[in-house]
Amino acid sequence: MTGPFAPDVVAAVCRHMNDDHAEDSLLICRTLGGQPAATRARATGLDAEGMEFAVTVHDIEVPVRVPFAHRLTERVQIRQEVVRMYREACERLGLPPRPAG
């Protein structure tokens, strides 16, 4: 992967998503990642163009890439884009998103 984010930033974002937002990742992968049968999603990487996940579908782990709405150039944009993806996933599923906190 290429882009503006150093390996330690990518690792920190993935760790945070996996530790604190695993259900959000799953919703994103089910809708925006085209894996409606997914039962688990684990963030594995990201670059300026999108986020990578390892998604469990029928007990098999498959790679999924979810593109960002636009190219990211700064770390602060990662959170904004992941929140946008989460909200879009909720909207597609007819679920109310959690209040921003």
N, C-alpha and C. Protein backbone atom coordinates (compact mmCIF):
# COMPACT_ATOMS: atom_id res chain seq x y z
N MET A 1 0.84 -1.18 0.00
CA MET A 1 0.00 0.00 0.00
C MET A 1 0.88 1.24 0.00
N THR A 2 0.46 2.22 -0.74
CA THR A 2 1.19 3.47 -0.76
C THR A 2 0.28 4.57 -0.26
N GLY A 3 0.88 5.66 0.14
CA GLY A 3 0.06 6.77 0.57
C GLY A 3 0.74 7.58 1.64
N PRO A 4 -0.02 8.52 2.17
CA PRO A 4 0.54 9.47 3.12
C PRO A 4 0.66 8.97 4.56
N PHE A 5 0.26 7.72 4.82
CA PHE A 5 0.21 7.27 6.20
C PHE A 5 1.34 6.30 6.52
N ALA A 6 2.10 6.64 7.55
CA ALA A 6 3.22 5.81 7.99
C ALA A 6 2.69 4.49 8.56
N PRO A 7 3.51 3.45 8.52
CA PRO A 7 3.08 2.15 9.04
C PRO A 7 2.55 2.20 10.47
N ASP A 8 3.14 3.04 11.33
CA ASP A 8 2.66 3.10 12.72
C ASP A 8 1.26 3.71 12.79
N VAL A 9 0.94 4.64 11.90
CA VAL A 9 -0.40 5.23 11.85
C VAL A 9 -1.40 4.17 11.40
N VAL A 10 -1.06 3.44 10.35
CA VAL A 10 -1.94 2.39 9.84
C VAL A 10 -2.18 1.35 10.93
N ALA A 11 -1.14 0.95 11.62
CA ALA A 11 -1.27 -0.05 12.69
C ALA A 11 -2.16 0.48 13.82
N ALA A 12 -2.00 1.74 14.18
CA ALA A 12 -2.80 2.32 15.26
C ALA A 12 -4.28 2.40 14.86
N VAL A 13 -4.55 2.81 13.64
CA VAL A 13 -5.94 2.89 13.17
C VAL A 13 -6.56 1.50 13.16
N CYS A 14 -5.86 0.52 12.63
CA CYS A 14 -6.38 -0.85 12.59
C CYS A 14 -6.62 -1.39 13.99
N ARG A 15 -5.69 -1.16 14.87
CA ARG A 15 -5.83 -1.63 16.26
C ARG A 15 -7.08 -0.99 16.89
N HIS A 16 -7.25 0.32 16.70
CA HIS A 16 -8.40 1.03 17.27
C HIS A 16 -9.71 0.48 16.68
N MET A 17 -9.75 0.29 15.37
CA MET A 17 -10.96 -0.25 14.75
C MET A 17 -11.27 -1.65 15.27
N ASN A 18 -10.26 -2.47 15.40
CA ASN A 18 -10.47 -3.86 15.84
C ASN A 18 -10.81 -3.95 17.31
N ASP A 19 -10.20 -3.10 18.13
CA ASP A 19 -10.45 -3.14 19.57
C ASP A 19 -11.75 -2.44 19.97
N ASP A 20 -12.07 -1.33 19.30
CA ASP A 20 -13.17 -0.48 19.74
C ASP A 20 -14.36 -0.41 18.78
N HIS A 21 -14.17 -0.81 17.54
CA HIS A 21 -15.23 -0.63 16.54
C HIS A 21 -15.42 -1.84 15.63
N ALA A 22 -15.27 -3.03 16.19
CA ALA A 22 -15.40 -4.25 15.37
C ALA A 22 -16.78 -4.37 14.75
N GLU A 23 -17.82 -4.02 15.48
CA GLU A 23 -19.17 -4.10 14.94
C GLU A 23 -19.37 -3.08 13.82
N ASP A 24 -18.76 -1.91 13.95
CA ASP A 24 -18.85 -0.89 12.90
C ASP A 24 -18.16 -1.41 11.63
N SER A 25 -17.01 -2.02 11.79
CA SER A 25 -16.30 -2.59 10.64
C SER A 25 -17.16 -3.65 9.95
N LEU A 26 -17.83 -4.46 10.75
CA LEU A 26 -18.68 -5.50 10.18
C LEU A 26 -19.82 -4.88 9.37
N LEU A 27 -20.46 -3.85 9.90
CA LEU A 27 -21.53 -3.18 9.16
C LEU A 27 -21.01 -2.60 7.86
N ILE A 28 -19.85 -1.98 7.91
CA ILE A 28 -19.23 -1.38 6.72
C ILE A 28 -18.96 -2.46 5.68
N CYS A 29 -18.40 -3.58 6.11
CA CYS A 29 -18.07 -4.66 5.16
C CYS A 29 -19.31 -5.35 4.61
N ARG A 30 -20.34 -5.46 5.43
CA ARG A 30 -21.58 -6.08 4.94
C ARG A 30 -22.23 -5.24 3.84
N THR A 31 -22.17 -3.94 3.97
CA THR A 31 -22.86 -3.06 3.02
C THR A 31 -21.90 -2.50 1.96
N LEU A 32 -20.97 -1.69 2.38
CA LEU A 32 -20.08 -1.03 1.42
C LEU A 32 -19.04 -1.99 0.85
N GLY A 33 -18.76 -3.07 1.56
CA GLY A 33 -17.79 -4.05 1.09
C GLY A 33 -18.40 -5.20 0.31
N GLY A 34 -19.70 -5.19 0.16
CA GLY A 34 -20.36 -6.21 -0.64
C GLY A 34 -20.34 -7.61 -0.06
N GLN A 35 -20.30 -7.72 1.28
CA GLN A 35 -20.27 -9.03 1.92
C GLN A 35 -21.42 -9.14 2.93
N PRO A 36 -22.67 -9.21 2.46
CA PRO A 36 -23.81 -9.22 3.38
C PRO A 36 -23.84 -10.42 4.33
N ALA A 37 -23.16 -11.50 3.98
CA ALA A 37 -23.16 -12.70 4.84
C ALA A 37 -22.00 -12.71 5.83
N ALA A 38 -21.22 -11.64 5.87
CA ALA A 38 -20.07 -11.59 6.78
C ALA A 38 -20.50 -11.70 8.23
N THR A 39 -19.71 -12.43 9.01
CA THR A 39 -19.98 -12.59 10.43
C THR A 39 -18.91 -11.93 11.29
N ARG A 40 -17.81 -11.54 10.67
CA ARG A 40 -16.70 -10.91 11.40
C ARG A 40 -15.90 -10.08 10.41
N ALA A 41 -15.38 -8.96 10.88
CA ALA A 41 -14.52 -8.13 10.04
C ALA A 41 -13.38 -7.59 10.89
N ARG A 42 -12.19 -7.63 10.33
CA ARG A 42 -11.00 -7.18 11.04
C ARG A 42 -10.24 -6.24 10.10
N ALA A 43 -10.00 -5.01 10.56
CA ALA A 43 -9.22 -4.05 9.76
C ALA A 43 -7.79 -4.54 9.66
N THR A 44 -7.25 -4.53 8.44
CA THR A 44 -5.88 -5.02 8.23
C THR A 44 -4.96 -3.98 7.60
N GLY A 45 -5.52 -2.88 7.10
CA GLY A 45 -4.67 -1.87 6.49
C GLY A 45 -5.49 -0.76 5.87
N LEU A 46 -4.79 0.27 5.44
CA LEU A 46 -5.43 1.37 4.73
C LEU A 46 -4.37 2.15 3.98
N ASP A 47 -4.84 2.87 2.99
CA ASP A 47 -3.99 3.81 2.28
C ASP A 47 -4.84 5.03 1.97
N ALA A 48 -4.39 5.89 1.11
CA ALA A 48 -5.11 7.12 0.82
C ALA A 48 -6.44 6.88 0.11
N GLU A 49 -6.59 5.71 -0.50
CA GLU A 49 -7.77 5.44 -1.33
C GLU A 49 -8.82 4.56 -0.67
N GLY A 50 -8.45 3.80 0.37
CA GLY A 50 -9.43 2.91 0.98
C GLY A 50 -8.89 2.13 2.15
N MET A 51 -9.76 1.32 2.72
CA MET A 51 -9.42 0.53 3.90
C MET A 51 -9.55 -0.95 3.57
N GLU A 52 -8.63 -1.73 4.10
CA GLU A 52 -8.59 -3.18 3.88
C GLU A 52 -9.09 -3.90 5.13
N PHE A 53 -9.85 -4.96 4.88
CA PHE A 53 -10.38 -5.79 5.96
C PHE A 53 -10.17 -7.26 5.63
N ALA A 54 -10.10 -8.08 6.67
CA ALA A 54 -10.20 -9.53 6.54
C ALA A 54 -11.58 -9.87 7.08
N VAL A 55 -12.43 -10.42 6.23
CA VAL A 55 -13.83 -10.63 6.56
C VAL A 55 -14.13 -12.13 6.56
N THR A 56 -14.83 -12.59 7.58
CA THR A 56 -15.22 -13.99 7.66
C THR A 56 -16.60 -14.16 7.05
N VAL A 57 -16.65 -15.01 6.01
CA VAL A 57 -17.90 -15.33 5.31
C VAL A 57 -17.97 -16.85 5.22
N HIS A 58 -19.00 -17.43 5.79
CA HIS A 58 -19.17 -18.89 5.80
C HIS A 58 -17.89 -19.59 6.30
N ASP A 59 -17.37 -19.08 7.40
CA ASP A 59 -16.18 -19.63 8.07
C ASP A 59 -14.90 -19.53 7.24
N ILE A 60 -14.90 -18.73 6.21
CA ILE A 60 -13.70 -18.52 5.40
C ILE A 60 -13.35 -17.03 5.45
N GLU A 61 -12.08 -16.74 5.70
CA GLU A 61 -11.65 -15.35 5.75
C GLU A 61 -11.27 -14.88 4.34
N VAL A 62 -11.89 -13.79 3.92
CA VAL A 62 -11.63 -13.24 2.59
C VAL A 62 -11.22 -11.77 2.72
N PRO A 63 -10.37 -11.30 1.81
CA PRO A 63 -9.98 -9.89 1.84
C PRO A 63 -11.08 -9.02 1.23
N VAL A 64 -11.29 -7.86 1.83
CA VAL A 64 -12.26 -6.90 1.33
C VAL A 64 -11.62 -5.52 1.38
N ARG A 65 -11.77 -4.79 0.29
CA ARG A 65 -11.30 -3.41 0.25
C ARG A 65 -12.52 -2.51 0.09
N VAL A 66 -12.63 -1.53 0.97
CA VAL A 66 -13.71 -0.56 0.90
C VAL A 66 -13.09 0.79 0.53
N PRO A 67 -13.42 1.29 -0.66
CA PRO A 67 -12.83 2.56 -1.08
C PRO A 67 -13.39 3.73 -0.28
N PHE A 68 -12.55 4.72 -0.08
CA PHE A 68 -12.99 5.96 0.53
C PHE A 68 -13.74 6.79 -0.51
N ALA A 69 -14.53 7.75 -0.06
CA ALA A 69 -15.29 8.61 -0.96
C ALA A 69 -14.36 9.55 -1.74
N HIS A 70 -13.21 9.83 -1.15
CA HIS A 70 -12.21 10.68 -1.80
C HIS A 70 -10.84 10.33 -1.25
N ARG A 71 -9.81 10.74 -1.94
CA ARG A 71 -8.43 10.47 -1.53
C ARG A 71 -8.11 11.23 -0.23
N LEU A 72 -7.56 10.51 0.74
CA LEU A 72 -7.18 11.12 2.02
C LEU A 72 -5.72 11.52 1.98
N THR A 73 -5.42 12.65 2.59
CA THR A 73 -4.05 13.13 2.62
C THR A 73 -3.53 13.38 4.03
N GLU A 74 -4.43 13.42 5.02
CA GLU A 74 -4.03 13.70 6.40
C GLU A 74 -4.69 12.71 7.36
N ARG A 75 -3.99 12.44 8.44
CA ARG A 75 -4.49 11.45 9.41
C ARG A 75 -5.87 11.81 9.94
N VAL A 76 -6.13 13.08 10.20
CA VAL A 76 -7.42 13.50 10.75
C VAL A 76 -8.58 13.11 9.84
N GLN A 77 -8.33 12.98 8.57
CA GLN A 77 -9.37 12.61 7.62
C GLN A 77 -9.80 11.15 7.75
N ILE A 78 -8.94 10.32 8.31
CA ILE A 78 -9.28 8.89 8.43
C ILE A 78 -10.52 8.72 9.28
N ARG A 79 -10.53 9.32 10.46
CA ARG A 79 -11.69 9.20 11.36
C ARG A 79 -12.94 9.73 10.68
N GLN A 80 -12.84 10.89 10.04
CA GLN A 80 -14.00 11.48 9.37
C GLN A 80 -14.56 10.53 8.31
N GLU A 81 -13.69 9.90 7.56
CA GLU A 81 -14.13 9.02 6.49
C GLU A 81 -14.71 7.72 7.03
N VAL A 82 -14.11 7.17 8.09
CA VAL A 82 -14.65 5.95 8.67
C VAL A 82 -16.03 6.22 9.28
N VAL A 83 -16.20 7.36 9.92
CA VAL A 83 -17.51 7.73 10.46
C VAL A 83 -18.52 7.87 9.32
N ARG A 84 -18.12 8.48 8.22
CA ARG A 84 -19.01 8.61 7.06
C ARG A 84 -19.42 7.23 6.54
N MET A 85 -18.45 6.32 6.44
CA MET A 85 -18.75 4.98 5.96
C MET A 85 -19.71 4.26 6.91
N TYR A 86 -19.48 4.39 8.21
CA TYR A 86 -20.35 3.78 9.21
C TYR A 86 -21.78 4.30 9.07
N ARG A 87 -21.90 5.62 8.95
CA ARG A 87 -23.24 6.22 8.83
C ARG A 87 -23.92 5.79 7.54
N GLU A 88 -23.18 5.71 6.45
CA GLU A 88 -23.75 5.25 5.19
C GLU A 88 -24.20 3.80 5.31
N ALA A 89 -23.39 2.97 5.98
CA ALA A 89 -23.77 1.57 6.18
C ALA A 89 -25.05 1.47 7.00
N CYS A 90 -25.15 2.24 8.06
CA CYS A 90 -26.37 2.24 8.88
C CYS A 90 -27.58 2.66 8.05
N GLU A 91 -27.40 3.70 7.25
CA GLU A 91 -28.49 4.19 6.42
C GLU A 91 -28.97 3.10 5.45
N ARG A 92 -28.02 2.43 4.81
CA ARG A 92 -28.39 1.36 3.86
C ARG A 92 -29.11 0.22 4.54
N LEU A 93 -28.79 -0.04 5.80
CA LEU A 93 -29.41 -1.13 6.54
C LEU A 93 -30.67 -0.69 7.30
N GLY A 94 -30.95 0.61 7.26
CA GLY A 94 -32.11 1.12 7.98
C GLY A 94 -31.92 1.15 9.48
N LEU A 95 -30.66 1.25 9.91
CA LEU A 95 -30.35 1.28 11.34
C LEU A 95 -30.01 2.71 11.76
N PRO A 96 -30.42 3.10 12.97
CA PRO A 96 -30.00 4.43 13.43
C PRO A 96 -28.54 4.39 13.87
N PRO A 97 -27.71 5.33 13.41
CA PRO A 97 -26.32 5.35 13.86
C PRO A 97 -26.24 5.82 15.31
N ARG A 98 -25.20 5.40 15.99
CA ARG A 98 -24.95 5.89 17.34
C ARG A 98 -24.73 7.40 17.28
N PRO A 99 -25.10 8.11 18.32
CA PRO A 99 -24.77 9.54 18.35
C PRO A 99 -23.25 9.73 18.35
N ALA A 100 -22.80 10.77 17.68
CA ALA A 100 -21.35 11.07 17.66
C ALA A 100 -20.93 11.39 19.08
N GLY A 101 -19.76 10.87 19.45
CA GLY A 101 -19.34 11.08 20.82
C GLY A 101 -17.96 11.43 21.00
